[in-house]
């Protein structure tokens, strides 16, 4: 290598590094091109993220599933999830009627002020759902799948096997992905995700 080539490389390498660094800063490589709030999906093995969009008229709440009461399992407390919150009679009557998706939420949590035995129905609900009921301490009561009823004049009612305080609706099949079943416990968190 000649001395003049060596001098040219001495200037070219730092200059190229500087230009690459400036391009990095100008391009905004330290942030996403279209920033948005992202949450994990209900499937804990799925690493893709979904965009969560606020649903007018509903709150939101975090929840976890405690599996320490499940037989033959190691038991643990799941990662925090986020659900739409239906806490008022009006929100509970509306539920997921007319919706085609959950807007990135893991489900809809119905919270009642006292133990109830009211049934759920799928009138004007377009999404096939699974529902799990939990008592005042968050212990699993029962669960079932609920197919859409559409705008039919009469729809079947789905009932828990005992009084409950909470009901969690998720896309059909989603209860197993959240490890919800006999022996599990719902742990309700903050009213903001």
N, C-alpha and C. Protein backbone atom coordinates (compact mmCIF):
# COMPACT_ATOMS: atom_id res chain seq x y z
N UNK A 1 0.85 -1.15 0.00
CA UNK A 1 0.00 0.00 0.00
C UNK A 1 0.91 1.23 0.00
N UNK A 2 0.61 2.14 -0.87
CA UNK A 2 1.43 3.35 -0.99
C UNK A 2 1.08 4.32 0.10
N UNK A 3 1.98 5.25 0.44
CA UNK A 3 1.68 6.25 1.47
C UNK A 3 0.47 7.10 1.12
N UNK A 4 0.27 7.44 -0.15
CA UNK A 4 -0.88 8.28 -0.51
C UNK A 4 -2.20 7.52 -0.34
N UNK A 5 -2.21 6.19 -0.63
CA UNK A 5 -3.41 5.37 -0.43
C UNK A 5 -3.71 5.25 1.06
N UNK A 6 -2.66 5.10 1.85
CA UNK A 6 -2.84 4.99 3.30
C UNK A 6 -3.43 6.29 3.86
N UNK A 7 -2.95 7.45 3.39
CA UNK A 7 -3.50 8.75 3.83
C UNK A 7 -4.96 8.88 3.42
N UNK A 8 -5.30 8.44 2.22
CA UNK A 8 -6.69 8.53 1.74
C UNK A 8 -7.61 7.66 2.60
N UNK A 9 -7.14 6.45 2.95
CA UNK A 9 -7.94 5.58 3.81
C UNK A 9 -8.06 6.15 5.23
N UNK A 10 -7.00 6.82 5.70
CA UNK A 10 -7.03 7.42 7.03
C UNK A 10 -8.13 8.47 7.11
N UNK A 11 -8.37 9.18 6.02
CA UNK A 11 -9.44 10.19 5.99
C UNK A 11 -10.80 9.57 5.62
N UNK A 12 -10.80 8.58 4.72
CA UNK A 12 -12.06 8.03 4.21
C UNK A 12 -12.82 7.21 5.26
N UNK A 13 -12.12 6.40 6.04
CA UNK A 13 -12.80 5.54 7.01
C UNK A 13 -13.52 6.38 8.07
N UNK A 14 -12.87 7.35 8.73
CA UNK A 14 -13.60 8.17 9.71
C UNK A 14 -14.72 8.99 9.06
N UNK A 15 -14.49 9.46 7.83
CA UNK A 15 -15.51 10.24 7.15
C UNK A 15 -16.75 9.39 6.88
N UNK A 16 -16.55 8.15 6.43
CA UNK A 16 -17.68 7.25 6.19
C UNK A 16 -18.41 6.91 7.50
N UNK A 17 -17.65 6.71 8.56
CA UNK A 17 -18.28 6.44 9.85
C UNK A 17 -19.12 7.63 10.31
N UNK A 18 -18.59 8.84 10.13
CA UNK A 18 -19.33 10.05 10.50
C UNK A 18 -20.60 10.18 9.67
N UNK A 19 -20.51 9.93 8.36
CA UNK A 19 -21.70 10.01 7.50
C UNK A 19 -22.74 8.97 7.88
N UNK A 20 -22.32 7.78 8.22
CA UNK A 20 -23.26 6.73 8.65
C UNK A 20 -23.95 7.13 9.94
N UNK A 21 -23.20 7.69 10.88
CA UNK A 21 -23.79 8.15 12.14
C UNK A 21 -24.81 9.26 11.91
N UNK A 22 -24.47 10.23 11.06
CA UNK A 22 -25.41 11.31 10.75
C UNK A 22 -26.67 10.78 10.08
N UNK A 23 -26.52 9.83 9.18
CA UNK A 23 -27.70 9.22 8.53
C UNK A 23 -28.57 8.52 9.56
N UNK A 24 -27.95 7.84 10.50
CA UNK A 24 -28.66 7.17 11.58
C UNK A 24 -29.50 8.17 12.38
N UNK A 25 -28.90 9.31 12.73
CA UNK A 25 -29.63 10.32 13.50
C UNK A 25 -30.74 10.97 12.69
N UNK A 26 -30.44 11.32 11.45
CA UNK A 26 -31.44 11.98 10.61
C UNK A 26 -32.60 11.06 10.27
N UNK A 27 -32.35 9.79 10.11
CA UNK A 27 -33.39 8.82 9.76
C UNK A 27 -34.26 8.47 10.95
N UNK A 28 -33.80 8.73 12.16
CA UNK A 28 -34.60 8.42 13.34
C UNK A 28 -34.56 6.96 13.70
N UNK A 29 -33.41 6.34 13.60
CA UNK A 29 -33.30 4.91 13.87
C UNK A 29 -33.54 4.56 15.32
N UNK A 30 -33.60 5.56 16.18
CA UNK A 30 -33.82 5.27 17.59
C UNK A 30 -35.29 5.25 17.97
N UNK A 31 -36.18 5.36 16.99
CA UNK A 31 -37.62 5.29 17.27
C UNK A 31 -38.34 4.67 16.08
N UNK A 32 -39.54 4.11 16.30
CA UNK A 32 -40.26 3.51 15.17
C UNK A 32 -40.77 4.58 14.22
N UNK A 33 -40.94 4.20 12.96
CA UNK A 33 -41.42 5.14 11.95
C UNK A 33 -42.84 5.60 12.26
N UNK A 34 -43.67 4.73 12.84
CA UNK A 34 -45.04 5.06 13.15
C UNK A 34 -45.31 4.64 14.59
N UNK A 35 -44.94 5.47 15.58
CA UNK A 35 -45.07 5.03 16.97
C UNK A 35 -46.52 4.81 17.36
N UNK A 36 -46.76 3.77 18.13
CA UNK A 36 -48.08 3.49 18.68
C UNK A 36 -47.90 2.61 19.90
N UNK A 37 -48.92 2.58 20.75
CA UNK A 37 -48.86 1.75 21.95
C UNK A 37 -49.06 0.31 21.54
N UNK A 38 -48.20 -0.59 22.00
CA UNK A 38 -48.30 -1.98 21.61
C UNK A 38 -48.43 -2.86 22.85
N UNK A 39 -49.18 -3.95 22.71
CA UNK A 39 -49.37 -4.90 23.80
C UNK A 39 -49.16 -6.30 23.27
N UNK A 40 -48.87 -7.23 24.18
CA UNK A 40 -48.73 -8.62 23.78
C UNK A 40 -50.11 -9.21 23.51
N UNK A 41 -50.16 -10.19 22.63
CA UNK A 41 -51.42 -10.87 22.35
C UNK A 41 -51.74 -11.84 23.48
N UNK A 42 -52.93 -12.42 23.44
CA UNK A 42 -53.35 -13.34 24.49
C UNK A 42 -52.52 -14.62 24.49
N UNK A 43 -51.93 -14.97 23.37
CA UNK A 43 -51.13 -16.18 23.29
C UNK A 43 -49.72 -15.86 23.79
N UNK A 44 -49.35 -16.46 24.92
CA UNK A 44 -48.06 -16.13 25.53
C UNK A 44 -46.88 -16.64 24.71
N UNK A 45 -47.10 -17.54 23.77
CA UNK A 45 -46.02 -18.00 22.92
C UNK A 45 -45.87 -17.14 21.69
N UNK A 46 -46.79 -16.26 21.45
CA UNK A 46 -46.77 -15.40 20.28
C UNK A 46 -46.02 -14.12 20.63
N UNK A 47 -44.97 -13.82 19.89
CA UNK A 47 -44.18 -12.65 20.20
C UNK A 47 -44.60 -11.45 19.36
N UNK A 48 -45.57 -11.62 18.49
CA UNK A 48 -46.04 -10.47 17.72
C UNK A 48 -46.82 -9.55 18.63
N UNK A 49 -46.91 -8.31 18.24
CA UNK A 49 -47.62 -7.32 19.06
C UNK A 49 -48.83 -6.80 18.29
N UNK A 50 -49.84 -6.44 19.05
CA UNK A 50 -51.05 -5.87 18.46
C UNK A 50 -51.19 -4.45 18.97
N UNK A 51 -51.74 -3.59 18.13
CA UNK A 51 -52.00 -2.23 18.55
C UNK A 51 -53.31 -2.21 19.32
N UNK A 52 -53.31 -1.61 20.50
CA UNK A 52 -54.52 -1.51 21.31
C UNK A 52 -55.12 -0.13 21.08
N UNK A 53 -56.41 -0.11 20.76
CA UNK A 53 -57.13 1.12 20.51
C UNK A 53 -58.20 1.30 21.58
N UNK A 54 -58.24 2.46 22.22
CA UNK A 54 -59.26 2.71 23.25
C UNK A 54 -60.65 2.54 22.66
N UNK A 55 -61.55 1.96 23.46
CA UNK A 55 -62.94 1.75 23.04
C UNK A 55 -63.80 2.73 23.83
N UNK A 56 -64.42 3.69 23.15
CA UNK A 56 -65.24 4.69 23.86
C UNK A 56 -66.33 4.03 24.69
N UNK A 57 -66.55 4.56 25.89
CA UNK A 57 -67.61 4.06 26.75
C UNK A 57 -67.18 2.98 27.72
N UNK A 58 -65.94 2.49 27.60
CA UNK A 58 -65.44 1.44 28.48
C UNK A 58 -64.13 1.85 29.11
N UNK A 59 -63.92 1.36 30.32
CA UNK A 59 -62.63 1.54 30.97
C UNK A 59 -61.72 0.40 30.57
N UNK A 60 -60.59 0.32 31.25
CA UNK A 60 -59.67 -0.79 31.04
C UNK A 60 -59.10 -1.18 32.38
N UNK A 61 -58.65 -2.43 32.47
CA UNK A 61 -58.16 -2.95 33.74
C UNK A 61 -57.11 -4.03 33.46
N UNK A 62 -56.11 -4.09 34.32
CA UNK A 62 -55.12 -5.17 34.19
C UNK A 62 -55.62 -6.39 34.96
N UNK A 63 -55.17 -7.55 34.52
CA UNK A 63 -55.47 -8.78 35.25
C UNK A 63 -54.34 -9.77 35.04
N UNK A 64 -54.25 -10.70 35.97
CA UNK A 64 -53.28 -11.79 35.90
C UNK A 64 -54.02 -13.07 36.24
N UNK A 65 -53.46 -14.19 35.83
CA UNK A 65 -54.03 -15.49 36.16
C UNK A 65 -53.03 -16.22 37.06
N UNK A 66 -53.52 -16.61 38.23
CA UNK A 66 -52.72 -17.34 39.21
C UNK A 66 -53.04 -18.83 39.07
N UNK A 67 -52.04 -19.61 38.71
CA UNK A 67 -52.24 -21.05 38.50
C UNK A 67 -51.67 -21.89 39.65
N UNK A 68 -51.38 -21.26 40.79
CA UNK A 68 -50.79 -22.03 41.90
C UNK A 68 -51.74 -23.07 42.46
N UNK A 69 -53.05 -22.93 42.25
CA UNK A 69 -54.00 -23.90 42.77
C UNK A 69 -54.28 -25.05 41.83
N UNK A 70 -53.62 -25.09 40.68
CA UNK A 70 -53.86 -26.13 39.69
C UNK A 70 -53.07 -27.38 40.06
N UNK A 71 -53.74 -28.52 40.09
CA UNK A 71 -53.06 -29.78 40.40
C UNK A 71 -52.06 -30.16 39.32
N UNK A 72 -51.00 -30.81 39.70
CA UNK A 72 -49.98 -31.35 38.80
C UNK A 72 -49.27 -30.27 37.99
N UNK A 73 -49.31 -29.04 38.43
CA UNK A 73 -48.61 -27.97 37.72
C UNK A 73 -47.67 -27.26 38.65
N UNK A 74 -46.73 -26.56 38.08
CA UNK A 74 -45.78 -25.83 38.92
C UNK A 74 -46.43 -24.60 39.53
N UNK A 75 -47.40 -24.03 38.87
CA UNK A 75 -48.12 -22.87 39.37
C UNK A 75 -47.30 -21.62 39.30
N UNK A 76 -47.94 -20.56 38.85
CA UNK A 76 -47.28 -19.27 38.76
C UNK A 76 -48.32 -18.18 38.54
N UNK A 77 -47.87 -16.96 38.57
CA UNK A 77 -48.72 -15.80 38.29
C UNK A 77 -48.34 -15.30 36.91
N UNK A 78 -49.31 -15.22 36.01
CA UNK A 78 -49.04 -14.83 34.62
C UNK A 78 -48.60 -13.38 34.53
N UNK A 79 -48.12 -13.02 33.38
CA UNK A 79 -47.80 -11.62 33.09
C UNK A 79 -49.10 -10.82 33.11
N UNK A 80 -49.00 -9.54 33.38
CA UNK A 80 -50.19 -8.69 33.39
C UNK A 80 -50.78 -8.59 31.99
N UNK A 81 -52.08 -8.68 31.93
CA UNK A 81 -52.85 -8.55 30.69
C UNK A 81 -53.74 -7.34 30.81
N UNK A 82 -54.33 -6.92 29.70
CA UNK A 82 -55.20 -5.75 29.72
C UNK A 82 -56.55 -6.11 29.10
N UNK A 83 -57.62 -5.77 29.82
CA UNK A 83 -58.98 -6.05 29.34
C UNK A 83 -59.81 -4.78 29.35
N UNK A 84 -60.78 -4.75 28.46
CA UNK A 84 -61.81 -3.72 28.55
C UNK A 84 -62.58 -3.97 29.84
N UNK A 85 -63.02 -2.92 30.51
CA UNK A 85 -63.73 -3.06 31.77
C UNK A 85 -65.18 -2.64 31.62
N UNK A 86 -66.08 -3.56 31.93
CA UNK A 86 -67.52 -3.29 31.97
C UNK A 86 -67.93 -3.34 33.43
N UNK A 87 -68.01 -2.17 34.08
CA UNK A 87 -68.29 -2.11 35.52
C UNK A 87 -69.67 -1.53 35.82
N UNK A 88 -70.26 -0.82 34.88
CA UNK A 88 -71.58 -0.24 35.10
C UNK A 88 -72.64 -1.10 34.41
N UNK A 89 -73.89 -0.95 34.83
CA UNK A 89 -74.98 -1.71 34.21
C UNK A 89 -75.07 -1.42 32.71
N UNK A 90 -74.86 -0.17 32.33
CA UNK A 90 -74.93 0.19 30.91
C UNK A 90 -73.80 -0.47 30.12
N UNK A 91 -72.58 -0.46 30.65
CA UNK A 91 -71.45 -1.11 29.99
C UNK A 91 -71.68 -2.62 29.90
N UNK A 92 -72.21 -3.21 30.96
CA UNK A 92 -72.44 -4.65 30.98
C UNK A 92 -73.53 -5.04 29.99
N UNK A 93 -74.56 -4.22 29.84
CA UNK A 93 -75.62 -4.50 28.87
C UNK A 93 -75.09 -4.41 27.44
N UNK A 94 -74.18 -3.49 27.18
CA UNK A 94 -73.60 -3.32 25.84
C UNK A 94 -72.60 -4.42 25.53
N UNK A 95 -71.72 -4.72 26.49
CA UNK A 95 -70.70 -5.75 26.26
C UNK A 95 -69.99 -5.59 24.94
N UNK A 96 -69.82 -6.67 24.22
CA UNK A 96 -69.12 -6.65 22.93
C UNK A 96 -70.08 -6.66 21.74
N UNK A 97 -71.33 -6.26 21.97
CA UNK A 97 -72.31 -6.21 20.88
C UNK A 97 -71.83 -5.29 19.77
N UNK A 98 -71.98 -5.77 18.54
CA UNK A 98 -71.66 -4.96 17.37
C UNK A 98 -70.18 -4.87 17.04
N UNK A 99 -69.33 -5.42 17.84
CA UNK A 99 -67.88 -5.31 17.62
C UNK A 99 -67.40 -6.48 16.76
N UNK A 100 -66.41 -6.20 15.92
CA UNK A 100 -65.82 -7.25 15.09
C UNK A 100 -64.48 -7.71 15.64
N UNK A 101 -63.96 -7.00 16.65
CA UNK A 101 -62.71 -7.40 17.30
C UNK A 101 -62.64 -6.76 18.68
N UNK A 102 -61.56 -7.07 19.40
CA UNK A 102 -61.38 -6.55 20.76
C UNK A 102 -60.42 -5.36 20.81
N UNK A 103 -60.10 -4.79 19.66
CA UNK A 103 -59.24 -3.61 19.57
C UNK A 103 -57.89 -3.80 20.25
N UNK A 104 -57.36 -5.02 20.22
CA UNK A 104 -56.05 -5.30 20.80
C UNK A 104 -56.07 -5.67 22.27
N UNK A 105 -57.23 -5.61 22.92
CA UNK A 105 -57.33 -6.01 24.32
C UNK A 105 -57.39 -7.53 24.41
N UNK A 106 -57.01 -8.07 25.57
CA UNK A 106 -57.02 -9.52 25.76
C UNK A 106 -58.42 -10.06 26.02
N UNK A 107 -59.36 -9.21 26.37
CA UNK A 107 -60.72 -9.64 26.63
C UNK A 107 -61.53 -8.49 27.19
N UNK A 108 -62.74 -8.82 27.67
CA UNK A 108 -63.58 -7.85 28.38
C UNK A 108 -63.89 -8.43 29.75
N UNK A 109 -63.59 -7.67 30.78
CA UNK A 109 -63.84 -8.10 32.16
C UNK A 109 -65.11 -7.41 32.68
N UNK A 110 -66.08 -8.22 33.09
CA UNK A 110 -67.30 -7.72 33.71
C UNK A 110 -67.10 -7.80 35.22
N UNK A 111 -67.19 -6.66 35.90
CA UNK A 111 -67.00 -6.63 37.35
C UNK A 111 -68.31 -6.18 38.00
N UNK A 112 -68.78 -6.98 38.94
CA UNK A 112 -70.04 -6.69 39.62
C UNK A 112 -69.75 -6.32 41.07
N UNK A 113 -70.59 -5.48 41.66
CA UNK A 113 -70.37 -5.01 43.04
C UNK A 113 -70.71 -6.07 44.08
N UNK A 114 -71.55 -7.04 43.69
CA UNK A 114 -71.90 -8.13 44.61
C UNK A 114 -72.01 -9.40 43.79
N UNK A 115 -72.10 -10.54 44.46
CA UNK A 115 -72.24 -11.80 43.75
C UNK A 115 -73.55 -11.81 42.96
N UNK A 116 -73.49 -12.31 41.74
CA UNK A 116 -74.66 -12.37 40.86
C UNK A 116 -74.73 -13.76 40.22
N UNK A 117 -75.88 -14.05 39.64
CA UNK A 117 -76.06 -15.29 38.90
C UNK A 117 -76.69 -15.03 37.55
N UNK A 118 -76.60 -13.80 37.08
CA UNK A 118 -77.18 -13.42 35.79
C UNK A 118 -76.52 -14.17 34.65
N UNK A 119 -77.31 -14.51 33.62
CA UNK A 119 -76.79 -15.19 32.44
C UNK A 119 -76.28 -14.20 31.41
N UNK A 120 -75.46 -14.69 30.51
CA UNK A 120 -74.95 -13.89 29.40
C UNK A 120 -75.57 -14.40 28.12
N UNK A 121 -75.79 -13.51 27.16
CA UNK A 121 -76.30 -13.92 25.86
C UNK A 121 -75.51 -13.19 24.78
N UNK A 122 -75.65 -13.65 23.55
CA UNK A 122 -74.82 -13.16 22.45
C UNK A 122 -75.60 -12.37 21.41
N UNK A 123 -76.70 -11.75 21.82
CA UNK A 123 -77.50 -10.97 20.88
C UNK A 123 -76.65 -9.87 20.26
N UNK A 124 -76.68 -9.78 18.94
CA UNK A 124 -75.94 -8.77 18.17
C UNK A 124 -74.43 -8.81 18.42
N UNK A 125 -73.93 -9.92 18.94
CA UNK A 125 -72.49 -10.08 19.14
C UNK A 125 -71.94 -10.87 17.96
N UNK A 126 -70.92 -10.32 17.32
CA UNK A 126 -70.42 -10.87 16.07
C UNK A 126 -69.22 -11.80 16.25
N UNK A 127 -68.56 -11.73 17.41
CA UNK A 127 -67.34 -12.49 17.66
C UNK A 127 -67.67 -13.75 18.46
N UNK A 128 -67.25 -14.94 18.03
CA UNK A 128 -67.40 -16.12 18.89
C UNK A 128 -66.55 -15.93 20.15
N UNK A 129 -67.14 -16.14 21.31
CA UNK A 129 -66.44 -15.87 22.57
C UNK A 129 -66.40 -17.09 23.48
N UNK A 130 -65.43 -17.08 24.36
CA UNK A 130 -65.39 -17.99 25.51
C UNK A 130 -65.51 -17.11 26.74
N UNK A 131 -66.19 -17.62 27.76
CA UNK A 131 -66.39 -16.84 28.98
C UNK A 131 -65.99 -17.70 30.17
N UNK A 132 -65.35 -17.06 31.14
CA UNK A 132 -65.02 -17.71 32.41
C UNK A 132 -65.57 -16.84 33.53
N UNK A 133 -66.16 -17.48 34.52
CA UNK A 133 -66.70 -16.78 35.68
C UNK A 133 -65.82 -17.04 36.89
N UNK A 134 -65.70 -16.02 37.76
CA UNK A 134 -64.86 -16.11 38.95
C UNK A 134 -65.61 -15.55 40.15
N UNK A 135 -65.39 -16.11 41.33
CA UNK A 135 -66.07 -15.62 42.53
C UNK A 135 -65.38 -14.35 43.07
N UNK A 136 -65.86 -13.87 44.22
CA UNK A 136 -65.35 -12.62 44.78
C UNK A 136 -63.86 -12.67 45.10
N UNK A 137 -63.32 -13.85 45.38
CA UNK A 137 -61.89 -14.01 45.66
C UNK A 137 -61.10 -14.29 44.39
N UNK A 138 -61.78 -14.29 43.24
CA UNK A 138 -61.12 -14.53 41.97
C UNK A 138 -60.98 -15.99 41.60
N UNK A 139 -61.54 -16.90 42.42
CA UNK A 139 -61.45 -18.33 42.13
C UNK A 139 -62.36 -18.70 40.95
N UNK A 140 -61.84 -19.54 40.08
CA UNK A 140 -62.57 -20.02 38.90
C UNK A 140 -63.86 -20.71 39.33
N UNK A 141 -64.97 -20.35 38.70
CA UNK A 141 -66.28 -20.97 38.96
C UNK A 141 -66.62 -21.95 37.84
N UNK A 142 -66.62 -21.46 36.60
CA UNK A 142 -66.91 -22.31 35.45
C UNK A 142 -66.62 -21.51 34.18
N UNK A 143 -66.75 -22.18 33.03
CA UNK A 143 -66.48 -21.53 31.74
C UNK A 143 -67.27 -22.23 30.66
N UNK A 144 -67.48 -21.53 29.56
CA UNK A 144 -68.15 -22.12 28.40
C UNK A 144 -67.82 -21.30 27.16
N UNK A 145 -68.10 -21.88 25.99
CA UNK A 145 -67.99 -21.16 24.73
C UNK A 145 -69.36 -20.61 24.37
N UNK A 146 -69.37 -19.45 23.71
CA UNK A 146 -70.62 -18.80 23.34
C UNK A 146 -70.57 -18.43 21.85
N UNK A 147 -71.32 -19.13 21.00
CA UNK A 147 -71.34 -18.77 19.57
C UNK A 147 -72.18 -17.52 19.34
N UNK A 148 -71.88 -16.74 18.30
CA UNK A 148 -72.67 -15.54 18.00
C UNK A 148 -74.13 -15.89 17.75
N UNK A 149 -75.01 -14.96 18.10
CA UNK A 149 -76.44 -15.14 17.89
C UNK A 149 -76.95 -14.20 16.80
N UNK A 150 -76.18 -13.17 16.52
CA UNK A 150 -76.59 -12.21 15.49
C UNK A 150 -77.80 -11.42 15.95
N UNK A 151 -78.71 -11.15 15.01
CA UNK A 151 -79.89 -10.35 15.33
C UNK A 151 -81.15 -11.21 15.45
N UNK A 152 -80.97 -12.49 15.78
CA UNK A 152 -82.11 -13.38 15.96
C UNK A 152 -82.99 -12.88 17.10
N UNK A 153 -84.30 -13.11 17.05
CA UNK A 153 -85.19 -12.61 18.10
C UNK A 153 -84.97 -13.26 19.46
N UNK A 154 -84.55 -14.51 19.48
CA UNK A 154 -84.25 -15.16 20.76
C UNK A 154 -82.86 -15.78 20.68
N UNK A 155 -82.12 -15.62 21.75
CA UNK A 155 -80.75 -16.15 21.82
C UNK A 155 -80.62 -16.98 23.08
N UNK A 156 -79.79 -18.02 23.06
CA UNK A 156 -79.59 -18.80 24.29
C UNK A 156 -78.87 -17.98 25.35
N UNK A 157 -79.12 -18.34 26.58
CA UNK A 157 -78.44 -17.70 27.72
C UNK A 157 -77.41 -18.67 28.26
N UNK A 158 -76.24 -18.12 28.63
CA UNK A 158 -75.15 -18.92 29.17
C UNK A 158 -74.97 -18.55 30.63
N UNK A 159 -75.00 -19.55 31.50
CA UNK A 159 -74.95 -19.31 32.94
C UNK A 159 -73.76 -19.98 33.59
N UNK A 160 -73.26 -19.33 34.65
CA UNK A 160 -72.20 -19.92 35.46
C UNK A 160 -72.80 -21.02 36.32
N UNK A 161 -71.94 -21.92 36.80
CA UNK A 161 -72.41 -23.02 37.64
C UNK A 161 -72.72 -22.58 39.07
N UNK A 162 -72.31 -21.36 39.44
CA UNK A 162 -72.56 -20.83 40.79
C UNK A 162 -72.49 -19.30 40.71
N UNK A 163 -72.81 -18.65 41.80
CA UNK A 163 -72.73 -17.18 41.85
C UNK A 163 -71.29 -16.74 41.53
N UNK A 164 -71.17 -15.58 40.95
CA UNK A 164 -69.86 -15.07 40.56
C UNK A 164 -69.80 -13.57 40.78
N UNK A 165 -68.60 -13.02 40.77
CA UNK A 165 -68.36 -11.58 40.91
C UNK A 165 -67.74 -11.00 39.65
N UNK A 166 -66.99 -11.83 38.92
CA UNK A 166 -66.31 -11.40 37.70
C UNK A 166 -66.62 -12.38 36.57
N UNK A 167 -66.67 -11.84 35.35
CA UNK A 167 -66.78 -12.67 34.16
C UNK A 167 -65.78 -12.11 33.15
N UNK A 168 -65.03 -12.99 32.53
CA UNK A 168 -64.05 -12.58 31.54
C UNK A 168 -64.39 -13.21 30.20
N UNK A 169 -64.67 -12.36 29.20
CA UNK A 169 -64.93 -12.82 27.84
C UNK A 169 -63.66 -12.63 27.01
N UNK A 170 -63.31 -13.67 26.26
CA UNK A 170 -62.15 -13.63 25.38
C UNK A 170 -62.56 -14.26 24.05
N UNK A 171 -61.78 -14.03 22.98
CA UNK A 171 -62.10 -14.72 21.72
C UNK A 171 -62.15 -16.23 21.96
N UNK A 172 -63.08 -16.89 21.29
CA UNK A 172 -63.28 -18.31 21.52
C UNK A 172 -61.97 -19.09 21.42
N UNK A 173 -61.71 -19.93 22.41
CA UNK A 173 -60.47 -20.69 22.48
C UNK A 173 -59.38 -19.99 23.28
N UNK A 174 -59.59 -18.74 23.64
CA UNK A 174 -58.56 -17.95 24.33
C UNK A 174 -58.36 -18.28 25.79
N UNK A 175 -59.31 -18.96 26.43
CA UNK A 175 -59.14 -19.29 27.85
C UNK A 175 -57.95 -20.20 28.07
N UNK A 176 -57.79 -21.20 27.23
CA UNK A 176 -56.66 -22.11 27.40
C UNK A 176 -55.34 -21.40 27.15
N UNK A 177 -55.30 -20.47 26.22
CA UNK A 177 -54.06 -19.71 25.98
C UNK A 177 -53.69 -18.86 27.17
N UNK A 178 -54.69 -18.47 27.96
CA UNK A 178 -54.43 -17.67 29.17
C UNK A 178 -54.28 -18.56 30.40
N UNK A 179 -54.31 -19.87 30.24
CA UNK A 179 -54.20 -20.85 31.33
C UNK A 179 -55.36 -20.72 32.33
N UNK A 180 -56.55 -20.40 31.82
CA UNK A 180 -57.73 -20.28 32.68
C UNK A 180 -58.49 -21.59 32.68
N UNK A 181 -58.78 -22.09 33.89
CA UNK A 181 -59.53 -23.32 34.03
C UNK A 181 -59.68 -23.66 35.50
N UNK A 182 -60.21 -24.84 35.81
CA UNK A 182 -60.39 -25.25 37.21
C UNK A 182 -59.10 -25.09 38.01
N UNK A 183 -59.23 -24.50 39.20
CA UNK A 183 -58.09 -24.31 40.09
C UNK A 183 -57.36 -23.00 39.90
N UNK A 184 -57.67 -22.27 38.84
CA UNK A 184 -56.98 -20.98 38.62
C UNK A 184 -57.71 -19.87 39.36
N UNK A 185 -57.04 -18.74 39.49
CA UNK A 185 -57.60 -17.58 40.18
C UNK A 185 -57.31 -16.34 39.38
N UNK A 186 -58.32 -15.48 39.24
CA UNK A 186 -58.20 -14.20 38.56
C UNK A 186 -57.72 -13.16 39.56
N UNK A 187 -56.67 -12.44 39.22
CA UNK A 187 -56.15 -11.36 40.06
C UNK A 187 -56.35 -10.06 39.29
N UNK A 188 -57.29 -9.24 39.76
CA UNK A 188 -57.61 -7.99 39.08
C UNK A 188 -56.69 -6.90 39.61
N UNK A 189 -56.14 -6.12 38.69
CA UNK A 189 -55.19 -5.07 39.04
C UNK A 189 -55.75 -3.68 38.91
N UNK A 190 -54.92 -2.79 38.41
CA UNK A 190 -55.26 -1.38 38.29
C UNK A 190 -56.23 -1.13 37.15
N UNK A 191 -56.94 -0.02 37.26
CA UNK A 191 -57.88 0.36 36.21
C UNK A 191 -57.19 1.21 35.16
N UNK A 192 -56.05 0.76 34.73
CA UNK A 192 -55.35 1.39 33.63
C UNK A 192 -54.25 0.46 33.19
N UNK A 193 -54.12 0.32 31.88
CA UNK A 193 -53.12 -0.61 31.35
C UNK A 193 -51.96 0.16 30.73
